[in-house]
Amino acid sequence: MSTTIELFWMRVKKNKIKVILPLIFLLVILPVFIHVINNSGLQPEEIAEKVRTQLHTWIMVLAGWWSACVFGDFFDQSGNELIYLVNKKKDIIINHVLAAVIYSVVVSLLFVVYSHMTELDYGTLVNLLAEGVFIDGVAIMLSFALQGIGPALMISVAYSFLTNVLDTMGQFKIISVSPRTAYDYKLAAIATAIGIILSAIGVKLSQDKREYY
């Protein structure tokens, strides 16, 4: 397992620019958005709602980024069949779980900061983490299905934006994992379960490719 973790950190270092981009957004740009909303002159309830919308949009959009970047070497270079042969099922799972857990920890810590800027409840955090698991699963499954992180991330981002727009319009909520209320734990559980299933499909696709080689 230590070797797998070492390979994970090696991939993170190799893709450090891609890894840093979500951090810049979460640490710098999103707080600016929240600051602007807080000083917009709206009522506290309206401010909290607008901040939650921003969090649900951007944290979900970025959720699959790190996992997809970690597996970029599987698709983006010649001789990648050797990477499939070297990485066994447990290596794929550990790398995926590490990326998802680190992102979830970062989001949780930043949520504490955001909640000091705006009145937010921790039910929102539960929903955000569930959405993250879902989008992470979508990104991994599509990466191995389409053999590329670009199309996978584009589809994941498009879904995140589309569902937020449709939620605002009250349309097609059946395809959305965004919560109806701050404490929509049922939907959070469903989103988490579907995300785990999609991740498992992605792992299975990676092993199918490994056996092919």
C-alpha atoms as a PDB file:
ATOM      1  CA  MET A   1       0.000   0.000   0.000  1.00  0.00           C
ATOM      2  CA  SER A   2       2.901   2.364   0.725  1.00  0.00           C
ATOM      3  CA  THR A   3       4.040   2.003  -2.886  1.00  0.00           C
ATOM      4  CA  THR A   4       0.542   2.879  -4.098  1.00  0.00           C
ATOM      5  CA  ILE A   5       0.476   6.008  -1.942  1.00  0.00           C
ATOM      6  CA  GLU A   6       3.933   6.983  -3.178  1.00  0.00           C
ATOM      7  CA  LEU A   7       2.707   6.642  -6.778  1.00  0.00           C
ATOM      8  CA  PHE A   8      -0.323   8.755  -5.888  1.00  0.00           C
ATOM      9  CA  TRP A   9       1.834  11.602  -4.575  1.00  0.00           C
ATOM     10  CA  MET A  10       4.108  11.268  -7.583  1.00  0.00           C
ATOM     11  CA  ARG A  11       1.104  11.779  -9.853  1.00  0.00           C
ATOM     12  CA  VAL A  12      -0.034  14.738  -7.758  1.00  0.00           C
ATOM     13  CA  LYS A  13       3.395  16.369  -8.069  1.00  0.00           C
ATOM     14  CA  LYS A  14       3.495  15.698 -11.802  1.00  0.00           C
ATOM     15  CA  ASN A  15       0.097  17.397 -12.210  1.00  0.00           C
ATOM     16  CA  LYS A  16       0.683  20.090  -9.563  1.00  0.00           C
ATOM     17  CA  ILE A  17      -0.557  22.920 -11.793  1.00  0.00           C
ATOM     18  CA  LYS A  18      -3.835  21.109 -12.448  1.00  0.00           C
ATOM     19  CA  VAL A  19      -4.111  20.218  -8.766  1.00  0.00           C
ATOM     20  CA  ILE A  20      -3.590  23.819  -7.655  1.00  0.00           C
ATOM     21  CA  LEU A  21      -6.320  25.273  -9.901  1.00  0.00           C
ATOM     22  CA  PRO A  22      -9.285  24.070  -7.780  1.00  0.00           C
ATOM     23  CA  LEU A  23      -7.495  25.312  -4.647  1.00  0.00           C
ATOM     24  CA  ILE A  24      -7.096  28.777  -6.164  1.00  0.00           C
ATOM     25  CA  PHE A  25     -10.788  28.870  -6.922  1.00  0.00           C
ATOM     26  CA  LEU A  26     -11.892  27.556  -3.528  1.00  0.00           C
ATOM     27  CA  LEU A  27      -9.425  29.652  -1.524  1.00  0.00           C
ATOM     28  CA  VAL A  28      -9.525  32.911  -3.480  1.00  0.00           C
ATOM     29  CA  ILE A  29     -12.267  33.289  -6.060  1.00  0.00           C
ATOM     30  CA  LEU A  30     -15.185  31.682  -4.190  1.00  0.00           C
ATOM     31  CA  PRO A  31     -14.567  33.750  -1.014  1.00  0.00           C
ATOM     32  CA  VAL A  32     -14.647  36.875  -3.228  1.00  0.00           C
ATOM     33  CA  PHE A  33     -18.036  35.778  -4.590  1.00  0.00           C
ATOM     34  CA  ILE A  34     -19.296  35.258  -1.036  1.00  0.00           C
ATOM     35  CA  HIS A  35     -17.957  38.657   0.062  1.00  0.00           C
ATOM     36  CA  VAL A  36     -19.750  40.380  -2.833  1.00  0.00           C
ATOM     37  CA  ILE A  37     -23.018  38.609  -1.993  1.00  0.00           C
ATOM     38  CA  ASN A  38     -22.661  39.496   1.703  1.00  0.00           C
ATOM     39  CA  ASN A  39     -22.337  43.171   0.774  1.00  0.00           C
ATOM     40  CA  SER A  40     -25.169  43.194  -1.746  1.00  0.00           C
ATOM     41  CA  GLY A  41     -27.702  44.695   0.684  1.00  0.00           C
ATOM     42  CA  LEU A  42     -30.014  41.673   0.561  1.00  0.00           C
ATOM     43  CA  GLN A  43     -31.836  40.182   3.519  1.00  0.00           C
ATOM     44  CA  PRO A  44     -29.858  37.545   5.517  1.00  0.00           C
ATOM     45  CA  GLU A  45     -32.098  34.730   4.230  1.00  0.00           C
ATOM     46  CA  GLU A  46     -31.547  35.785   0.616  1.00  0.00           C
ATOM     47  CA  ILE A  47     -27.800  36.110   1.167  1.00  0.00           C
ATOM     48  CA  ALA A  48     -27.589  32.604   2.652  1.00  0.00           C
ATOM     49  CA  GLU A  49     -29.597  31.182  -0.259  1.00  0.00           C
ATOM     50  CA  LYS A  50     -27.375  32.830  -2.886  1.00  0.00           C
ATOM     51  CA  VAL A  51     -24.214  31.671  -1.098  1.00  0.00           C
ATOM     52  CA  ARG A  52     -25.560  28.113  -0.931  1.00  0.00           C
ATOM     53  CA  THR A  53     -26.252  28.263  -4.676  1.00  0.00           C
ATOM     54  CA  GLN A  54     -22.651  29.292  -5.341  1.00  0.00           C
ATOM     55  CA  LEU A  55     -21.333  26.500  -3.122  1.00  0.00           C
ATOM     56  CA  HIS A  56     -23.559  23.869  -4.716  1.00  0.00           C
ATOM     57  CA  THR A  57     -22.450  25.014  -8.180  1.00  0.00           C
ATOM     58  CA  TRP A  58     -18.693  25.369  -7.809  1.00  0.00           C
ATOM     59  CA  ILE A  59     -17.877  22.683  -5.262  1.00  0.00           C
ATOM     60  CA  MET A  60     -19.798  20.185  -7.388  1.00  0.00           C
ATOM     61  CA  VAL A  61     -18.134  21.408 -10.612  1.00  0.00           C
ATOM     62  CA  LEU A  62     -14.643  20.870  -9.146  1.00  0.00           C
ATOM     63  CA  ALA A  63     -15.399  17.594  -7.351  1.00  0.00           C
ATOM     64  CA  GLY A  64     -14.108  15.213 -10.015  1.00  0.00           C
ATOM     65  CA  TRP A  65     -11.118  17.342 -11.009  1.00  0.00           C
ATOM     66  CA  TRP A  66      -8.448  15.829  -8.768  1.00  0.00           C
ATOM     67  CA  SER A  67      -9.459  12.212  -9.354  1.00  0.00           C
ATOM     68  CA  ALA A  68      -9.482  12.738 -13.105  1.00  0.00           C
ATOM     69  CA  CYS A  69      -6.051  14.415 -13.009  1.00  0.00           C
ATOM     70  CA  VAL A  70      -4.600  11.570 -10.950  1.00  0.00           C
ATOM     71  CA  PHE A  71      -5.600   9.118 -13.695  1.00  0.00           C
ATOM     72  CA  GLY A  72      -4.536  11.354 -16.582  1.00  0.00           C
ATOM     73  CA  ASP A  73      -1.460   9.218 -17.314  1.00  0.00           C
ATOM     74  CA  PHE A  74      -3.743   6.312 -18.163  1.00  0.00           C
ATOM     75  CA  PHE A  75      -4.979   8.138 -21.270  1.00  0.00           C
ATOM     76  CA  ASP A  76      -2.751  11.047 -22.252  1.00  0.00           C
ATOM     77  CA  GLN A  77       0.545   9.498 -23.247  1.00  0.00           C
ATOM     78  CA  SER A  78       1.978   6.777 -25.472  1.00  0.00           C
ATOM     79  CA  GLY A  79       2.803   3.503 -23.812  1.00  0.00           C
ATOM     80  CA  ASN A  80      -0.058   3.911 -21.363  1.00  0.00           C
ATOM     81  CA  GLU A  81      -0.777   0.189 -21.652  1.00  0.00           C
ATOM     82  CA  LEU A  82       2.145  -0.294 -19.248  1.00  0.00           C
ATOM     83  CA  ILE A  83       0.386   1.888 -16.685  1.00  0.00           C
ATOM     84  CA  TYR A  84      -2.671  -0.349 -16.888  1.00  0.00           C
ATOM     85  CA  LEU A  85      -0.511  -3.432 -16.417  1.00  0.00           C
ATOM     86  CA  VAL A  86       1.337  -1.995 -13.409  1.00  0.00           C
ATOM     87  CA  ASN A  87      -1.755  -0.644 -11.606  1.00  0.00           C
ATOM     88  CA  LYS A  88      -3.935  -3.354 -10.138  1.00  0.00           C
ATOM     89  CA  LYS A  89      -7.514  -2.988  -8.976  1.00  0.00           C
ATOM     90  CA  LYS A  90      -6.535  -2.012  -5.425  1.00  0.00           C
ATOM     91  CA  ASP A  91      -4.158   0.661  -6.770  1.00  0.00           C
ATOM     92  CA  ILE A  92      -6.976   2.283  -8.759  1.00  0.00           C
ATOM     93  CA  ILE A  93      -9.312   2.184  -5.766  1.00  0.00           C
ATOM     94  CA  ILE A  94      -6.749   3.603  -3.322  1.00  0.00           C
ATOM     95  CA  ASN A  95      -5.777   6.420  -5.696  1.00  0.00           C
ATOM     96  CA  HIS A  96      -9.410   7.287  -6.284  1.00  0.00           C
ATOM     97  CA  VAL A  97     -10.326   7.189  -2.593  1.00  0.00           C
ATOM     98  CA  LEU A  98      -7.316   9.320  -1.632  1.00  0.00           C
ATOM     99  CA  ALA A  99      -8.205  12.014  -4.167  1.00  0.00           C
ATOM    100  CA  ALA A 100     -11.875  12.034  -3.109  1.00  0.00           C
ATOM    101  CA  VAL A 101     -11.104  12.079   0.619  1.00  0.00           C
ATOM    102  CA  ILE A 102      -8.548  14.878   0.315  1.00  0.00           C
ATOM    103  CA  TYR A 103     -11.023  16.976  -1.684  1.00  0.00           C
ATOM    104  CA  SER A 104     -13.754  16.300   0.891  1.00  0.00           C
ATOM    105  CA  VAL A 105     -11.453  17.316   3.754  1.00  0.00           C
ATOM    106  CA  VAL A 106     -10.468  20.525   1.942  1.00  0.00           C
ATOM    107  CA  VAL A 107     -14.130  21.362   1.273  1.00  0.00           C
ATOM    108  CA  SER A 108     -15.068  20.635   4.903  1.00  0.00           C
ATOM    109  CA  LEU A 109     -12.324  22.894   6.276  1.00  0.00           C
ATOM    110  CA  LEU A 110     -13.184  25.679   3.864  1.00  0.00           C
ATOM    111  CA  PHE A 111     -16.870  25.340   4.696  1.00  0.00           C
ATOM    112  CA  VAL A 112     -16.017  26.261   8.286  1.00  0.00           C
ATOM    113  CA  VAL A 113     -14.426  29.451   6.934  1.00  0.00           C
ATOM    114  CA  TYR A 114     -17.357  30.139   4.608  1.00  0.00           C
ATOM    115  CA  SER A 115     -19.834  29.635   7.461  1.00  0.00           C
ATOM    116  CA  HIS A 116     -18.093  32.431   9.372  1.00  0.00           C
ATOM    117  CA  MET A 117     -18.630  34.716   6.376  1.00  0.00           C
ATOM    118  CA  THR A 118     -22.304  33.805   5.956  1.00  0.00           C
ATOM    119  CA  GLU A 119     -24.809  32.054   8.172  1.00  0.00           C
ATOM    120  CA  LEU A 120     -24.679  28.480   6.893  1.00  0.00           C
ATOM    121  CA  ASP A 121     -25.786  25.249   8.551  1.00  0.00           C
ATOM    122  CA  TYR A 122     -23.849  22.004   8.466  1.00  0.00           C
ATOM    123  CA  GLY A 123     -26.699  20.210   6.735  1.00  0.00           C
ATOM    124  CA  THR A 124     -25.513  22.091   3.651  1.00  0.00           C
ATOM    125  CA  LEU A 125     -22.048  20.568   4.074  1.00  0.00           C
ATOM    126  CA  VAL A 126     -23.525  17.049   4.106  1.00  0.00           C
ATOM    127  CA  ASN A 127     -25.276  17.784   0.823  1.00  0.00           C
ATOM    128  CA  LEU A 128     -22.127  19.296  -0.693  1.00  0.00           C
ATOM    129  CA  LEU A 129     -20.035  16.247   0.176  1.00  0.00           C
ATOM    130  CA  ALA A 130     -22.701  13.937  -1.262  1.00  0.00           C
ATOM    131  CA  GLU A 131     -22.761  15.924  -4.499  1.00  0.00           C
ATOM    132  CA  GLY A 132     -18.979  15.667  -4.584  1.00  0.00           C
ATOM    133  CA  VAL A 133     -19.067  11.867  -4.317  1.00  0.00           C
ATOM    134  CA  PHE A 134     -21.618  11.762  -7.130  1.00  0.00           C
ATOM    135  CA  ILE A 135     -19.687  13.996  -9.546  1.00  0.00           C
ATOM    136  CA  ASP A 136     -16.433  12.258  -8.646  1.00  0.00           C
ATOM    137  CA  GLY A 137     -18.036   8.964  -9.643  1.00  0.00           C
ATOM    138  CA  VAL A 138     -19.307  10.467 -12.898  1.00  0.00           C
ATOM    139  CA  ALA A 139     -15.840  11.816 -13.743  1.00  0.00           C
ATOM    140  CA  ILE A 140     -14.018   8.539 -13.048  1.00  0.00           C
ATOM    141  CA  MET A 141     -16.529   6.375 -14.865  1.00  0.00           C
ATOM    142  CA  LEU A 142     -16.498   8.637 -17.940  1.00  0.00           C
ATOM    143  CA  SER A 143     -12.692   8.972 -17.891  1.00  0.00           C
ATOM    144  CA  PHE A 144     -12.217   5.222 -18.279  1.00  0.00           C
ATOM    145  CA  ALA A 145     -15.239   4.822 -20.553  1.00  0.00           C
ATOM    146  CA  LEU A 146     -14.117   7.587 -22.945  1.00  0.00           C
ATOM    147  CA  GLN A 147     -10.370   7.055 -22.365  1.00  0.00           C
ATOM    148  CA  GLY A 148      -9.715  10.712 -21.613  1.00  0.00           C
ATOM    149  CA  ILE A 149     -10.157  13.213 -18.793  1.00  0.00           C
ATOM    150  CA  GLY A 150     -11.099  16.130 -21.068  1.00  0.00           C
ATOM    151  CA  PRO A 151     -14.483  14.816 -22.249  1.00  0.00           C
ATOM    152  CA  ALA A 152     -15.214  13.403 -18.786  1.00  0.00           C
ATOM    153  CA  LEU A 153     -14.612  16.750 -17.062  1.00  0.00           C
ATOM    154  CA  MET A 154     -16.565  18.668 -19.715  1.00  0.00           C
ATOM    155  CA  ILE A 155     -19.587  16.410 -19.273  1.00  0.00           C
ATOM    156  CA  SER A 156     -19.313  16.608 -15.469  1.00  0.00           C
ATOM    157  CA  VAL A 157     -19.072  20.408 -15.539  1.00  0.00           C
ATOM    158  CA  ALA A 158     -21.950  20.673 -18.038  1.00  0.00           C
ATOM    159  CA  TYR A 159     -24.126  18.480 -15.819  1.00  0.00           C
ATOM    160  CA  SER A 160     -23.308  20.554 -12.733  1.00  0.00           C
ATOM    161  CA  PHE A 161     -24.174  23.850 -14.404  1.00  0.00           C
ATOM    162  CA  LEU A 162     -27.226  22.491 -16.212  1.00  0.00           C
ATOM    163  CA  THR A 163     -28.810  20.972 -13.127  1.00  0.00           C
ATOM    164  CA  ASN A 164     -28.264  24.159 -11.134  1.00  0.00           C
ATOM    165  CA  VAL A 165     -29.938  26.211 -13.862  1.00  0.00           C
ATOM    166  CA  LEU A 166     -32.815  23.724 -14.109  1.00  0.00           C
ATOM    167  CA  ASP A 167     -33.176  23.658 -10.318  1.00  0.00           C
ATOM    168  CA  THR A 168     -33.500  27.451 -10.320  1.00  0.00           C
ATOM    169  CA  MET A 169     -36.216  27.149 -12.975  1.00  0.00           C
ATOM    170  CA  GLY A 170     -37.884  24.276 -11.130  1.00  0.00           C
ATOM    171  CA  GLN A 171     -37.473  21.972 -14.127  1.00  0.00           C
ATOM    172  CA  PHE A 172     -36.314  18.334 -14.471  1.00  0.00           C
ATOM    173  CA  LYS A 173     -35.468  17.933 -10.795  1.00  0.00           C
ATOM    174  CA  ILE A 174     -35.534  14.166 -11.320  1.00  0.00           C
ATOM    175  CA  ILE A 175     -32.049  14.335 -12.909  1.00  0.00           C
ATOM    176  CA  SER A 176     -30.584  16.555 -10.190  1.00  0.00           C
ATOM    177  CA  VAL A 177     -28.692  15.557  -7.051  1.00  0.00           C
ATOM    178  CA  SER A 178     -28.870  19.086  -5.660  1.00  0.00           C
ATOM    179  CA  PRO A 179     -30.854  19.259  -2.393  1.00  0.00           C
ATOM    180  CA  ARG A 180     -34.380  20.586  -2.056  1.00  0.00           C
ATOM    181  CA  THR A 181     -33.660  21.741   1.492  1.00  0.00           C
ATOM    182  CA  ALA A 182     -30.561  22.255   3.624  1.00  0.00           C
ATOM    183  CA  TYR A 183     -31.202  18.931   5.357  1.00  0.00           C
ATOM    184  CA  ASP A 184     -32.144  16.739   2.398  1.00  0.00           C
ATOM    185  CA  TYR A 185     -30.354  13.681   3.772  1.00  0.00           C
ATOM    186  CA  LYS A 186     -32.381  11.227   1.689  1.00  0.00           C
ATOM    187  CA  LEU A 187     -31.179  12.798  -1.542  1.00  0.00           C
ATOM    188  CA  ALA A 188     -27.656  13.033  -0.098  1.00  0.00           C
ATOM    189  CA  ALA A 189     -27.700   9.287   0.584  1.00  0.00           C
ATOM    190  CA  ILE A 190     -28.985   8.557  -2.937  1.00  0.00           C
ATOM    191  CA  ALA A 191     -26.330  10.805  -4.528  1.00  0.00           C
ATOM    192  CA  THR A 192     -23.592   9.136  -2.478  1.00  0.00           C
ATOM    193  CA  ALA A 193     -24.785   5.636  -3.383  1.00  0.00           C
ATOM    194  CA  ILE A 194     -24.979   6.443  -7.095  1.00  0.00           C
ATOM    195  CA  GLY A 195     -21.526   8.062  -6.961  1.00  0.00           C
ATOM    196  CA  ILE A 196     -20.026   4.949  -5.369  1.00  0.00           C
ATOM    197  CA  ILE A 197     -21.686   2.722  -7.991  1.00  0.00           C
ATOM    198  CA  LEU A 198     -20.349   4.889 -10.840  1.00  0.00           C
ATOM    199  CA  SER A 199     -16.879   4.804  -9.278  1.00  0.00           C
ATOM    200  CA  ALA A 200     -17.074   1.013  -9.117  1.00  0.00           C
ATOM    201  CA  ILE A 201     -18.024   0.933 -12.802  1.00  0.00           C
ATOM    202  CA  GLY A 202     -14.989   3.117 -13.563  1.00  0.00           C
ATOM    203  CA  VAL A 203     -12.720   0.718 -11.666  1.00  0.00           C
ATOM    204  CA  LYS A 204     -14.255  -2.227 -13.551  1.00  0.00           C
ATOM    205  CA  LEU A 205     -13.607  -0.485 -16.879  1.00  0.00           C
ATOM    206  CA  SER A 206      -9.978   0.058 -15.891  1.00  0.00           C
ATOM    207  CA  GLN A 207      -9.597  -3.639 -15.145  1.00  0.00           C
ATOM    208  CA  ASP A 208     -11.251  -4.604 -18.443  1.00  0.00           C
ATOM    209  CA  LYS A 209      -8.643  -2.467 -20.207  1.00  0.00           C
ATOM    210  CA  ARG A 210      -5.876  -4.074 -18.136  1.00  0.00           C
ATOM    211  CA  GLU A 211      -7.016  -7.551 -19.130  1.00  0.00           C
ATOM    212  CA  TYR A 212      -7.193  -6.455 -22.772  1.00  0.00           C
ATOM    213  CA  TYR A 213      -3.513  -5.488 -22.687  1.00  0.00           C
END
